[in-house]
PDB file of N, CA and C in Angstrom:
ATOM      1  N   MET A   1      -9.980 141.220  98.249  1.00  0.00           N
ATOM      2  CA  MET A   1      -8.796 140.621  98.824  1.00  0.00           C
ATOM      3  C   MET A   1      -8.397 139.377  98.041  1.00  0.00           C
ATOM      4  N   GLY A   2      -9.349 138.579  97.605  1.00  0.00           N
ATOM      5  CA  GLY A   2      -9.013 137.380  96.857  1.00  0.00           C
ATOM      6  C   GLY A   2      -8.469 136.286  97.750  1.00  0.00           C
ATOM      7  N   ARG A   3      -7.918 135.289  97.123  1.00  0.00           N
ATOM      8  CA  ARG A   3      -7.359 134.177  97.894  1.00  0.00           C
ATOM      9  C   ARG A   3      -6.082 134.603  98.583  1.00  0.00           C
ATOM     10  N   THR A   4      -5.880 134.057  99.742  1.00  0.00           N
ATOM     11  CA  THR A   4      -4.694 134.345 100.526  1.00  0.00           C
ATOM     12  C   THR A   4      -3.872 133.083 100.657  1.00  0.00           C
ATOM     13  N   LYS A   5      -2.587 133.229 100.499  1.00  0.00           N
ATOM     14  CA  LYS A   5      -1.703 132.085 100.737  1.00  0.00           C
ATOM     15  C   LYS A   5      -1.282 132.163 102.193  1.00  0.00           C
ATOM     16  N   ALA A   6      -1.972 131.445 103.008  1.00  0.00           N
ATOM     17  CA  ALA A   6      -1.690 131.453 104.443  1.00  0.00           C
ATOM     18  C   ALA A   6      -0.785 130.291 104.795  1.00  0.00           C
ATOM     19  N   LYS A   7      -0.019 130.503 105.823  1.00  0.00           N
ATOM     20  CA  LYS A   7       0.777 129.409 106.359  1.00  0.00           C
ATOM     21  C   LYS A   7      -0.195 128.403 106.967  1.00  0.00           C
ATOM     22  N   THR A   8       0.036 127.146 106.707  1.00  0.00           N
ATOM     23  CA  THR A   8      -0.801 126.119 107.319  1.00  0.00           C
ATOM     24  C   THR A   8      -0.063 125.512 108.501  1.00  0.00           C
ATOM     25  N   TYR A   9      -0.804 124.972 109.405  1.00  0.00           N
ATOM     26  CA  TYR A   9      -0.228 124.394 110.615  1.00  0.00           C
ATOM     27  C   TYR A   9      -0.581 122.921 110.691  1.00  0.00           C
ATOM     28  N   SER A  10       0.417 122.116 110.875  1.00  0.00           N
ATOM     29  CA  SER A  10       0.194 120.679 111.008  1.00  0.00           C
ATOM     30  C   SER A  10      -0.377 120.377 112.379  1.00  0.00           C
ATOM     31  N   GLN A  11      -1.308 119.461 112.399  1.00  0.00           N
ATOM     32  CA  GLN A  11      -1.843 119.036 113.684  1.00  0.00           C
ATOM     33  C   GLN A  11      -0.920 117.958 114.245  1.00  0.00           C
ATOM     34  N   PRO A  12      -0.632 118.003 115.538  1.00  0.00           N
ATOM     35  CA  PRO A  12       0.309 117.048 116.125  1.00  0.00           C
ATOM     36  C   PRO A  12      -0.249 115.637 116.262  1.00  0.00           C
ATOM     37  N   ASP A  13      -1.562 115.489 116.123  1.00  0.00           N
ATOM     38  CA  ASP A  13      -2.184 114.172 116.273  1.00  0.00           C
ATOM     39  C   ASP A  13      -3.520 114.160 115.539  1.00  0.00           C
ATOM     40  N   ASP A  14      -4.222 113.055 115.622  1.00  0.00           N
ATOM     41  CA  ASP A  14      -5.463 112.886 114.861  1.00  0.00           C
ATOM     42  C   ASP A  14      -6.639 113.723 115.354  1.00  0.00           C
ATOM     43  N   HIS A  15      -6.576 114.237 116.558  1.00  0.00           N
ATOM     44  CA  HIS A  15      -7.765 114.886 117.119  1.00  0.00           C
ATOM     45  C   HIS A  15      -7.665 116.406 117.251  1.00  0.00           C
ATOM     46  N   THR A  16      -6.643 117.032 116.693  1.00  0.00           N
ATOM     47  CA  THR A  16      -6.499 118.484 116.837  1.00  0.00           C
ATOM     48  C   THR A  16      -6.686 119.234 115.514  1.00  0.00           C
ATOM     49  N   CYS A  17      -7.465 118.672 114.600  1.00  0.00           N
ATOM     50  CA  CYS A  17      -7.678 119.346 113.316  1.00  0.00           C
ATOM     51  C   CYS A  17      -8.457 120.654 113.486  1.00  0.00           C
ATOM     52  N   GLY A  18      -9.394 120.706 114.423  1.00  0.00           N
ATOM     53  CA  GLY A  18     -10.167 121.934 114.653  1.00  0.00           C
ATOM     54  C   GLY A  18      -9.285 123.099 115.067  1.00  0.00           C
ATOM     55  N   PRO A  19      -8.489 122.947 116.143  1.00  0.00           N
ATOM     56  CA  PRO A  19      -7.599 124.034 116.538  1.00  0.00           C
ATOM     57  C   PRO A  19      -6.561 124.391 115.465  1.00  0.00           C
ATOM     58  N   ALA A  20      -6.055 123.399 114.725  1.00  0.00           N
ATOM     59  CA  ALA A  20      -5.092 123.685 113.652  1.00  0.00           C
ATOM     60  C   ALA A  20      -5.761 124.501 112.540  1.00  0.00           C
ATOM     61  N   SER A  21      -7.010 124.181 112.220  1.00  0.00           N
ATOM     62  CA  SER A  21      -7.756 124.949 111.221  1.00  0.00           C
ATOM     63  C   SER A  21      -8.021 126.363 111.721  1.00  0.00           C
ATOM     64  N   LEU A  22      -8.369 126.487 112.995  1.00  0.00           N
ATOM     65  CA  LEU A  22      -8.599 127.806 113.582  1.00  0.00           C
ATOM     66  C   LEU A  22      -7.321 128.629 113.551  1.00  0.00           C
ATOM     67  N   LYS A  23      -6.179 128.016 113.828  1.00  0.00           N
ATOM     68  CA  LYS A  23      -4.894 128.730 113.788  1.00  0.00           C
ATOM     69  C   LYS A  23      -4.608 129.237 112.377  1.00  0.00           C
ATOM     70  N   THR A  24      -4.907 128.429 111.364  1.00  0.00           N
ATOM     71  CA  THR A  24      -4.726 128.872 109.982  1.00  0.00           C
ATOM     72  C   THR A  24      -5.654 130.042 109.669  1.00  0.00           C
ATOM     73  N   ALA A  25      -6.912 129.965 110.115  1.00  0.00           N
ATOM     74  CA  ALA A  25      -7.855 131.068 109.904  1.00  0.00           C
ATOM     75  C   ALA A  25      -7.362 132.337 110.593  1.00  0.00           C
ATOM     76  N   LEU A  26      -6.845 132.199 111.806  1.00  0.00           N
ATOM     77  CA  LEU A  26      -6.308 133.361 112.521  1.00  0.00           C
ATOM     78  C   LEU A  26      -5.129 133.969 111.767  1.00  0.00           C
ATOM     79  N   GLU A  27      -4.305 133.136 111.158  1.00  0.00           N
ATOM     80  CA  GLU A  27      -3.184 133.608 110.341  1.00  0.00           C
ATOM     81  C   GLU A  27      -3.702 134.460 109.181  1.00  0.00           C
ATOM     82  N   ILE A  28      -4.738 133.970 108.511  1.00  0.00           N
ATOM     83  CA  ILE A  28      -5.331 134.713 107.395  1.00  0.00           C
ATOM     84  C   ILE A  28      -5.845 136.067 107.870  1.00  0.00           C
ATOM     85  N   LEU A  29      -6.407 136.096 109.062  1.00  0.00           N
ATOM     86  CA  LEU A  29      -7.021 137.312 109.598  1.00  0.00           C
ATOM     87  C   LEU A  29      -6.037 138.214 110.330  1.00  0.00           C
ATOM     88  N   GLY A  30      -4.753 137.858 110.308  1.00  0.00           N
ATOM     89  CA  GLY A  30      -3.728 138.709 110.909  1.00  0.00           C
ATOM     90  C   GLY A  30      -3.602 138.587 112.412  1.00  0.00           C
ATOM     91  N   LYS A  31      -4.055 137.493 112.979  1.00  0.00           N
ATOM     92  CA  LYS A  31      -3.980 137.275 114.428  1.00  0.00           C
ATOM     93  C   LYS A  31      -3.097 136.063 114.690  1.00  0.00           C
ATOM     94  N   GLN A  32      -1.798 136.214 114.427  1.00  0.00           N
ATOM     95  CA  GLN A  32      -0.882 135.085 114.489  1.00  0.00           C
ATOM     96  C   GLN A  32      -0.353 134.779 115.880  1.00  0.00           C
ATOM     97  N   HIS A  33      -0.724 135.523 116.873  1.00  0.00           N
ATOM     98  CA  HIS A  33      -0.061 135.404 118.175  1.00  0.00           C
ATOM     99  C   HIS A  33      -0.642 134.331 119.102  1.00  0.00           C
ATOM    100  N   TYR A  34      -1.439 133.430 118.590  1.00  0.00           N
ATOM    101  CA  TYR A  34      -1.980 132.351 119.424  1.00  0.00           C
ATOM    102  C   TYR A  34      -1.265 131.049 119.099  1.00  0.00           C
ATOM    103  N   SER A  35      -0.750 130.392 120.121  1.00  0.00           N
ATOM    104  CA  SER A  35      -0.079 129.108 119.899  1.00  0.00           C
ATOM    105  C   SER A  35      -1.124 128.014 119.701  1.00  0.00           C
ATOM    106  N   LEU A  36      -0.714 126.953 119.043  1.00  0.00           N
ATOM    107  CA  LEU A  36      -1.622 125.824 118.852  1.00  0.00           C
ATOM    108  C   LEU A  36      -2.016 125.226 120.197  1.00  0.00           C
ATOM    109  N   THR A  37      -1.082 125.182 121.130  1.00  0.00           N
ATOM    110  CA  THR A  37      -1.375 124.663 122.473  1.00  0.00           C
ATOM    111  C   THR A  37      -2.476 125.484 123.141  1.00  0.00           C
ATOM    112  N   THR A  38      -2.397 126.797 123.018  1.00  0.00           N
ATOM    113  CA  THR A  38      -3.423 127.677 123.581  1.00  0.00           C
ATOM    114  C   THR A  38      -4.776 127.414 122.934  1.00  0.00           C
ATOM    115  N   LEU A  39      -4.786 127.254 121.613  1.00  0.00           N
ATOM    116  CA  LEU A  39      -6.044 127.019 120.903  1.00  0.00           C
ATOM    117  C   LEU A  39      -6.639 125.664 121.249  1.00  0.00           C
ATOM    118  N   ILE A  40      -5.796 124.661 121.441  1.00  0.00           N
ATOM    119  CA  ILE A  40      -6.285 123.337 121.843  1.00  0.00           C
ATOM    120  C   ILE A  40      -7.005 123.432 123.185  1.00  0.00           C
ATOM    121  N   LYS A  41      -6.434 124.188 124.111  1.00  0.00           N
ATOM    122  CA  LYS A  41      -7.074 124.369 125.426  1.00  0.00           C
ATOM    123  C   LYS A  41      -8.357 125.183 125.301  1.00  0.00           C
ATOM    124  N   LEU A  42      -8.294 126.267 124.530  1.00  0.00           N
ATOM    125  CA  LEU A  42      -9.454 127.140 124.373  1.00  0.00           C
ATOM    126  C   LEU A  42     -10.619 126.409 123.697  1.00  0.00           C
ATOM    127  N   CYS A  43     -10.300 125.516 122.772  1.00  0.00           N
ATOM    128  CA  CYS A  43     -11.326 124.739 122.060  1.00  0.00           C
ATOM    129  C   CYS A  43     -11.793 123.521 122.845  1.00  0.00           C
ATOM    130  N   LYS A  44     -11.195 123.299 124.006  1.00  0.00           N
ATOM    131  CA  LYS A  44     -11.534 122.150 124.854  1.00  0.00           C
ATOM    132  C   LYS A  44     -11.432 120.834 124.080  1.00  0.00           C
ATOM    133  N   THR A  45     -10.371 120.726 123.298  1.00  0.00           N
ATOM    134  CA  THR A  45     -10.148 119.532 122.491  1.00  0.00           C
ATOM    135  C   THR A  45      -9.803 118.352 123.388  1.00  0.00           C
ATOM    136  N   THR A  46     -10.399 117.220 123.097  1.00  0.00           N
ATOM    137  CA  THR A  46     -10.131 115.989 123.838  1.00  0.00           C
ATOM    138  C   THR A  46      -9.553 114.959 122.872  1.00  0.00           C
ATOM    139  N   LYS A  47      -9.312 113.772 123.373  1.00  0.00           N
ATOM    140  CA  LYS A  47      -8.798 112.705 122.501  1.00  0.00           C
ATOM    141  C   LYS A  47      -9.815 112.317 121.434  1.00  0.00           C
ATOM    142  N   ASN A  48     -11.058 112.751 121.604  1.00  0.00           N
ATOM    143  CA  ASN A  48     -12.109 112.496 120.614  1.00  0.00           C
ATOM    144  C   ASN A  48     -12.256 113.632 119.607  1.00  0.00           C
ATOM    145  N   GLY A  49     -11.490 114.703 119.785  1.00  0.00           N
ATOM    146  CA  GLY A  49     -11.542 115.831 118.863  1.00  0.00           C
ATOM    147  C   GLY A  49     -12.141 117.072 119.500  1.00  0.00           C
ATOM    148  N   THR A  50     -12.634 117.963 118.645  1.00  0.00           N
ATOM    149  CA  THR A  50     -13.196 119.241 119.077  1.00  0.00           C
ATOM    150  C   THR A  50     -14.630 119.340 118.586  1.00  0.00           C
ATOM    151  N   SER A  51     -15.539 119.668 119.483  1.00  0.00           N
ATOM    152  CA  SER A  51     -16.927 119.841 119.046  1.00  0.00           C
ATOM    153  C   SER A  51     -17.050 121.159 118.282  1.00  0.00           C
ATOM    154  N   VAL A  52     -17.979 121.195 117.351  1.00  0.00           N
ATOM    155  CA  VAL A  52     -18.211 122.410 116.577  1.00  0.00           C
ATOM    156  C   VAL A  52     -18.585 123.559 117.508  1.00  0.00           C
ATOM    157  N   ASN A  53     -19.392 123.279 118.520  1.00  0.00           N
ATOM    158  CA  ASN A  53     -19.804 124.335 119.449  1.00  0.00           C
ATOM    159  C   ASN A  53     -18.620 124.938 120.187  1.00  0.00           C
ATOM    160  N   TYR A  54     -17.676 124.106 120.623  1.00  0.00           N
ATOM    161  CA  TYR A  54     -16.488 124.634 121.301  1.00  0.00           C
ATOM    162  C   TYR A  54     -15.594 125.402 120.333  1.00  0.00           C
ATOM    163  N   LEU A  55     -15.510 124.962 119.089  1.00  0.00           N
ATOM    164  CA  LEU A  55     -14.714 125.668 118.090  1.00  0.00           C
ATOM    165  C   LEU A  55     -15.308 127.050 117.831  1.00  0.00           C
ATOM    166  N   ILE A  56     -16.622 127.128 117.700  1.00  0.00           N
ATOM    167  CA  ILE A  56     -17.303 128.408 117.502  1.00  0.00           C
ATOM    168  C   ILE A  56     -17.118 129.302 118.719  1.00  0.00           C
ATOM    169  N   HIS A  57     -17.275 128.734 119.912  1.00  0.00           N
ATOM    170  CA  HIS A  57     -17.103 129.505 121.142  1.00  0.00           C
ATOM    171  C   HIS A  57     -15.686 130.076 121.229  1.00  0.00           C
ATOM    172  N   ALA A  58     -14.687 129.267 120.902  1.00  0.00           N
ATOM    173  CA  ALA A  58     -13.299 129.731 120.941  1.00  0.00           C
ATOM    174  C   ALA A  58     -13.087 130.870 119.946  1.00  0.00           C
ATOM    175  N   ALA A  59     -13.602 130.718 118.736  1.00  0.00           N
ATOM    176  CA  ALA A  59     -13.453 131.770 117.726  1.00  0.00           C
ATOM    177  C   ALA A  59     -14.114 133.064 118.189  1.00  0.00           C
ATOM    178  N   ASN A  60     -15.288 132.962 118.793  1.00  0.00           N
ATOM    179  CA  ASN A  60     -15.958 134.150 119.328  1.00  0.00           C
ATOM    180  C   ASN A  60     -15.139 134.792 120.434  1.00  0.00           C
ATOM    181  N   GLN A  61     -14.552 133.980 121.314  1.00  0.00           N
ATOM    182  CA  GLN A  61     -13.727 134.519 122.395  1.00  0.00           C
ATOM    183  C   GLN A  61     -12.505 135.256 121.861  1.00  0.00           C
ATOM    184  N   LEU A  62     -12.045 134.867 120.684  1.00  0.00           N
ATOM    185  CA  LEU A  62     -10.890 135.512 120.066  1.00  0.00           C
ATOM    186  C   LEU A  62     -11.292 136.728 119.239  1.00  0.00           C
ATOM    187  N   GLY A  63     -12.563 137.091 119.298  1.00  0.00           N
ATOM    188  CA  GLY A  63     -13.034 138.292 118.622  1.00  0.00           C
ATOM    189  C   GLY A  63     -13.478 138.092 117.190  1.00  0.00           C
ATOM    190  N   LEU A  64     -13.637 136.847 116.774  1.00  0.00           N
ATOM    191  CA  LEU A  64     -14.074 136.580 115.406  1.00  0.00           C
ATOM    192  C   LEU A  64     -15.592 136.477 115.349  1.00  0.00           C
ATOM    193  N   SER A  65     -16.142 136.924 114.257  1.00  0.00           N
ATOM    194  CA  SER A  65     -17.562 136.751 113.994  1.00  0.00           C
ATOM    195  C   SER A  65     -17.713 135.451 113.220  1.00  0.00           C
ATOM    196  N   VAL A  66     -18.601 134.591 113.673  1.00  0.00           N
ATOM    197  CA  VAL A  66     -18.711 133.248 113.106  1.00  0.00           C
ATOM    198  C   VAL A  66     -20.103 133.035 112.529  1.00  0.00           C
ATOM    199  N   LEU A  67     -20.133 132.468 111.349  1.00  0.00           N
ATOM    200  CA  LEU A  67     -21.379 132.014 110.746  1.00  0.00           C
ATOM    201  C   LEU A  67     -21.226 130.520 110.534  1.00  0.00           C
ATOM    202  N   ALA A  68     -22.017 129.743 111.238  1.00  0.00           N
ATOM    203  CA  ALA A  68     -21.964 128.286 111.112  1.00  0.00           C
ATOM    204  C   ALA A  68     -23.172 127.829 110.306  1.00  0.00           C
ATOM    205  N   VAL A  69     -22.926 127.035 109.287  1.00  0.00           N
ATOM    206  CA  VAL A  69     -23.985 126.573 108.401  1.00  0.00           C
ATOM    207  C   VAL A  69     -23.838 125.075 108.205  1.00  0.00           C
ATOM    208  N   GLN A  70     -24.941 124.357 108.327  1.00  0.00           N
ATOM    209  CA  GLN A  70     -24.935 122.927 108.030  1.00  0.00           C
ATOM    210  C   GLN A  70     -25.537 122.711 106.654  1.00  0.00           C
ATOM    211  N   TRP A  71     -25.054 121.709 105.973  1.00  0.00           N
ATOM    212  CA  TRP A  71     -25.570 121.324 104.663  1.00  0.00           C
ATOM    213  C   TRP A  71     -25.522 122.473 103.672  1.00  0.00           C
ATOM    214  N   SER A  72     -24.443 123.213 103.678  1.00  0.00           N
ATOM    215  CA  SER A  72     -24.279 124.325 102.753  1.00  0.00           C
ATOM    216  C   SER A  72     -23.865 123.817 101.375  1.00  0.00           C
ATOM    217  N   THR A  73     -24.045 124.670 100.401  1.00  0.00           N
ATOM    218  CA  THR A  73     -23.606 124.354  99.045  1.00  0.00           C
ATOM    219  C   THR A  73     -22.431 125.249  98.688  1.00  0.00           C
ATOM    220  N   LEU A  74     -21.722 124.875  97.656  1.00  0.00           N
ATOM    221  CA  LEU A  74     -20.615 125.703  97.182  1.00  0.00           C
ATOM    222  C   LEU A  74     -21.127 127.083  96.788  1.00  0.00           C
ATOM    223  N   ARG A  75     -22.281 127.143  96.178  1.00  0.00           N
ATOM    224  CA  ARG A  75     -22.861 128.430  95.776  1.00  0.00           C
ATOM    225  C   ARG A  75     -23.119 129.321  97.000  1.00  0.00           C
ATOM    226  N   HIS A  76     -23.604 128.734  98.092  1.00  0.00           N
ATOM    227  CA  HIS A  76     -23.843 129.506  99.308  1.00  0.00           C
ATOM    228  C   HIS A  76     -22.531 130.069  99.854  1.00  0.00           C
ATOM    229  N   LEU A  77     -21.487 129.251  99.887  1.00  0.00           N
ATOM    230  CA  LEU A  77     -20.186 129.718 100.369  1.00  0.00           C
ATOM    231  C   LEU A  77     -19.643 130.839  99.487  1.00  0.00           C
ATOM    232  N   GLN A  78     -19.762 130.689  98.183  1.00  0.00           N
ATOM    233  CA  GLN A  78     -19.294 131.722  97.264  1.00  0.00           C
ATOM    234  C   GLN A  78     -20.050 133.025  97.485  1.00  0.00           C
ATOM    235  N   SER A  79     -21.346 132.938  97.694  1.00  0.00           N
ATOM    236  CA  SER A  79     -22.158 134.124  97.936  1.00  0.00           C
ATOM    237  C   SER A  79     -21.745 134.818  99.228  1.00  0.00           C
ATOM    238  N   ALA A  80     -21.521 134.039 100.277  1.00  0.00           N
ATOM    239  CA  ALA A  80     -21.112 134.616 101.561  1.00  0.00           C
ATOM    240  C   ALA A  80     -19.755 135.301 101.449  1.00  0.00           C
ATOM    241  N   LEU A  81     -18.858 134.732 100.672  1.00  0.00           N
ATOM    242  CA  LEU A  81     -17.529 135.320 100.520  1.00  0.00           C
ATOM    243  C   LEU A  81     -17.545 136.568  99.650  1.00  0.00           C
ATOM    244  N   LYS A  82     -18.509 136.681  98.746  1.00  0.00           N
ATOM    245  CA  LYS A  82     -18.589 137.856  97.882  1.00  0.00           C
ATOM    246  C   LYS A  82     -19.107 139.074  98.630  1.00  0.00           C
ATOM    247  N   HIS A  83     -19.854 138.854  99.708  1.00  0.00           N
ATOM    248  CA  HIS A  83     -20.379 139.973 100.494  1.00  0.00           C
ATOM    249  C   HIS A  83     -19.195 140.759 101.030  1.00  0.00           C
ATOM    250  N   ASN A  84     -19.037 141.990 100.593  1.00  0.00           N
ATOM    251  CA  ASN A  84     -17.857 142.778 100.946  1.00  0.00           C
ATOM    252  C   ASN A  84     -18.152 143.667 102.142  1.00  0.00           C
ATOM    253  N   SER A  85     -17.676 143.268 103.285  1.00  0.00           N
ATOM    254  CA  SER A  85     -17.834 144.088 104.483  1.00  0.00           C
ATOM    255  C   SER A  85     -16.556 144.859 104.769  1.00  0.00           C
ATOM    256  N   GLY A  86     -15.555 144.701 103.916  1.00  0.00           N
ATOM    257  CA  GLY A  86     -14.278 145.355 104.149  1.00  0.00           C
ATOM    258  C   GLY A  86     -13.370 144.568 105.064  1.00  0.00           C
ATOM    259  N   SER A  87     -13.846 143.458 105.558  1.00  0.00           N
ATOM    260  CA  SER A  87     -13.051 142.631 106.460  1.00  0.00           C
ATOM    261  C   SER A  87     -12.671 141.334 105.763  1.00  0.00           C
ATOM    262  N   PRO A  88     -11.452 140.855 106.010  1.00  0.00           N
ATOM    263  CA  PRO A  88     -11.082 139.558 105.438  1.00  0.00           C
ATOM    264  C   PRO A  88     -11.907 138.445 106.063  1.00  0.00           C
ATOM    265  N   ARG A  89     -12.043 137.356 105.334  1.00  0.00           N
ATOM    266  CA  ARG A  89     -12.828 136.222 105.807  1.00  0.00           C
ATOM    267  C   ARG A  89     -12.027 134.948 105.667  1.00  0.00           C
ATOM    268  N   ALA A  90     -12.271 134.045 106.564  1.00  0.00           N
ATOM    269  CA  ALA A  90     -11.668 132.713 106.493  1.00  0.00           C
ATOM    270  C   ALA A  90     -12.800 131.702 106.554  1.00  0.00           C
ATOM    271  N   VAL A  91     -12.667 130.640 105.806  1.00  0.00           N
ATOM    272  CA  VAL A  91     -13.696 129.604 105.760  1.00  0.00           C
ATOM    273  C   VAL A  91     -13.082 128.285 106.199  1.00  0.00           C
ATOM    274  N   ILE A  92     -13.732 127.639 107.137  1.00  0.00           N
ATOM    275  CA  ILE A  92     -13.347 126.291 107.549  1.00  0.00           C
ATOM    276  C   ILE A  92     -14.488 125.374 107.137  1.00  0.00           C
ATOM    277  N   VAL A  93     -14.184 124.401 106.326  1.00  0.00           N
ATOM    278  CA  VAL A  93     -15.199 123.479 105.831  1.00  0.00           C
ATOM    279  C   VAL A  93     -14.937 122.105 106.418  1.00  0.00           C
ATOM    280  N   ASP A  94     -15.966 121.511 106.945  1.00  0.00           N
ATOM    281  CA  ASP A  94     -15.887 120.162 107.493  1.00  0.00           C
ATOM    282  C   ASP A  94     -16.827 119.291 106.678  1.00  0.00           C
ATOM    283  N   TYR A  95     -16.325 118.186 106.214  1.00  0.00           N
ATOM    284  CA  TYR A  95     -17.182 117.284 105.455  1.00  0.00           C
ATOM    285  C   TYR A  95     -16.769 115.845 105.706  1.00  0.00           C
ATOM    286  N   LEU A  96     -17.695 114.969 105.476  1.00  0.00           N
ATOM    287  CA  LEU A  96     -17.441 113.535 105.599  1.00  0.00           C
ATOM    288  C   LEU A  96     -17.608 112.905 104.235  1.00  0.00           C
ATOM    289  N   TYR A  97     -16.814 111.916 103.968  1.00  0.00           N
ATOM    290  CA  TYR A  97     -16.919 111.226 102.691  1.00  0.00           C
ATOM    291  C   TYR A  97     -16.462 109.789 102.855  1.00  0.00           C
ATOM    292  N   ASP A  98     -16.885 108.963 101.949  1.00  0.00           N
ATOM    293  CA  ASP A  98     -16.454 107.568 101.934  1.00  0.00           C
ATOM    294  C   ASP A  98     -15.318 107.418 100.942  1.00  0.00           C
ATOM    295  N   LEU A  99     -14.288 106.723 101.342  1.00  0.00           N
ATOM    296  CA  LEU A  99     -13.168 106.477 100.424  1.00  0.00           C
ATOM    297  C   LEU A  99     -13.368 105.200  99.661  1.00  0.00           C
TER     298      LEU A  99
END
């Protein structure tokens, strides 16, 4: 399948990046019928953001298979994406950095 040019969705505020990322992943996977408002509720997003556990739970409820990895490397991500199951894949990466 290769890289997909998916429509991206702007988050309306500082704490909805998780649901906005999930909406973009759903777009890649052909499941465009979920509104951002619905995803914010499903992810139980608060003014403090979305927990990884709630994001994973929401993705599972939407029928997605999720692999969550901490401290992954670029090589690990590339390897996971090369595994051809015949299904498209979306990757959401969360990282922290100092500016």
